[in-house]
Amino acid sequence: QVQLVESGGGLVQAGGSLRLSCAASGRTFSSYFMGWFRQAPGKEREFVAFITATWSGATTYYADSVKGRFTLSRDNANNTVYLQMNSLKPEDTAVYYCAADLRGRYSVAASSYDYWGQGTQVTVSS
């Protein structure tokens, strides 16, 4: 069982920045693929970014909508991933969820992730 706890959400003006954190339990965190998804009211959950396990180079993948503005990184010593979000736009407003894929499926589909956090609200005002 893997527990994920997100933090760092809040209210920010357009053009501002936030850093989300996701703390994970488990002794083999470095082997997890970690993803971020978001869900706006009335919309489906959508992929934001994922980072591969350390053994596969901790490579990052981003949705086109956030590429160049968001940066995903991992700190295996602290079992944490960080999503640095810059140049935020009102359309980035959503609940952001952290997720863990224990089988390394290189997937942007939410169904490929085994564990989920409770979510953290990000609101970007115009």
Foldseek 3Di string as FASTA:
>chain_A
DKAKAKDWADEEAAQAKIKMKIAMDDDPLLQKKKFKWWDDPPGDIFGAKIFHHVVVPRDMDGDPVQPPFWDWDDDVVRRMIMIIGGRDDQVVWTWMKMFIQNPGPPDRDPVRTDDIYPTDTHGYHD
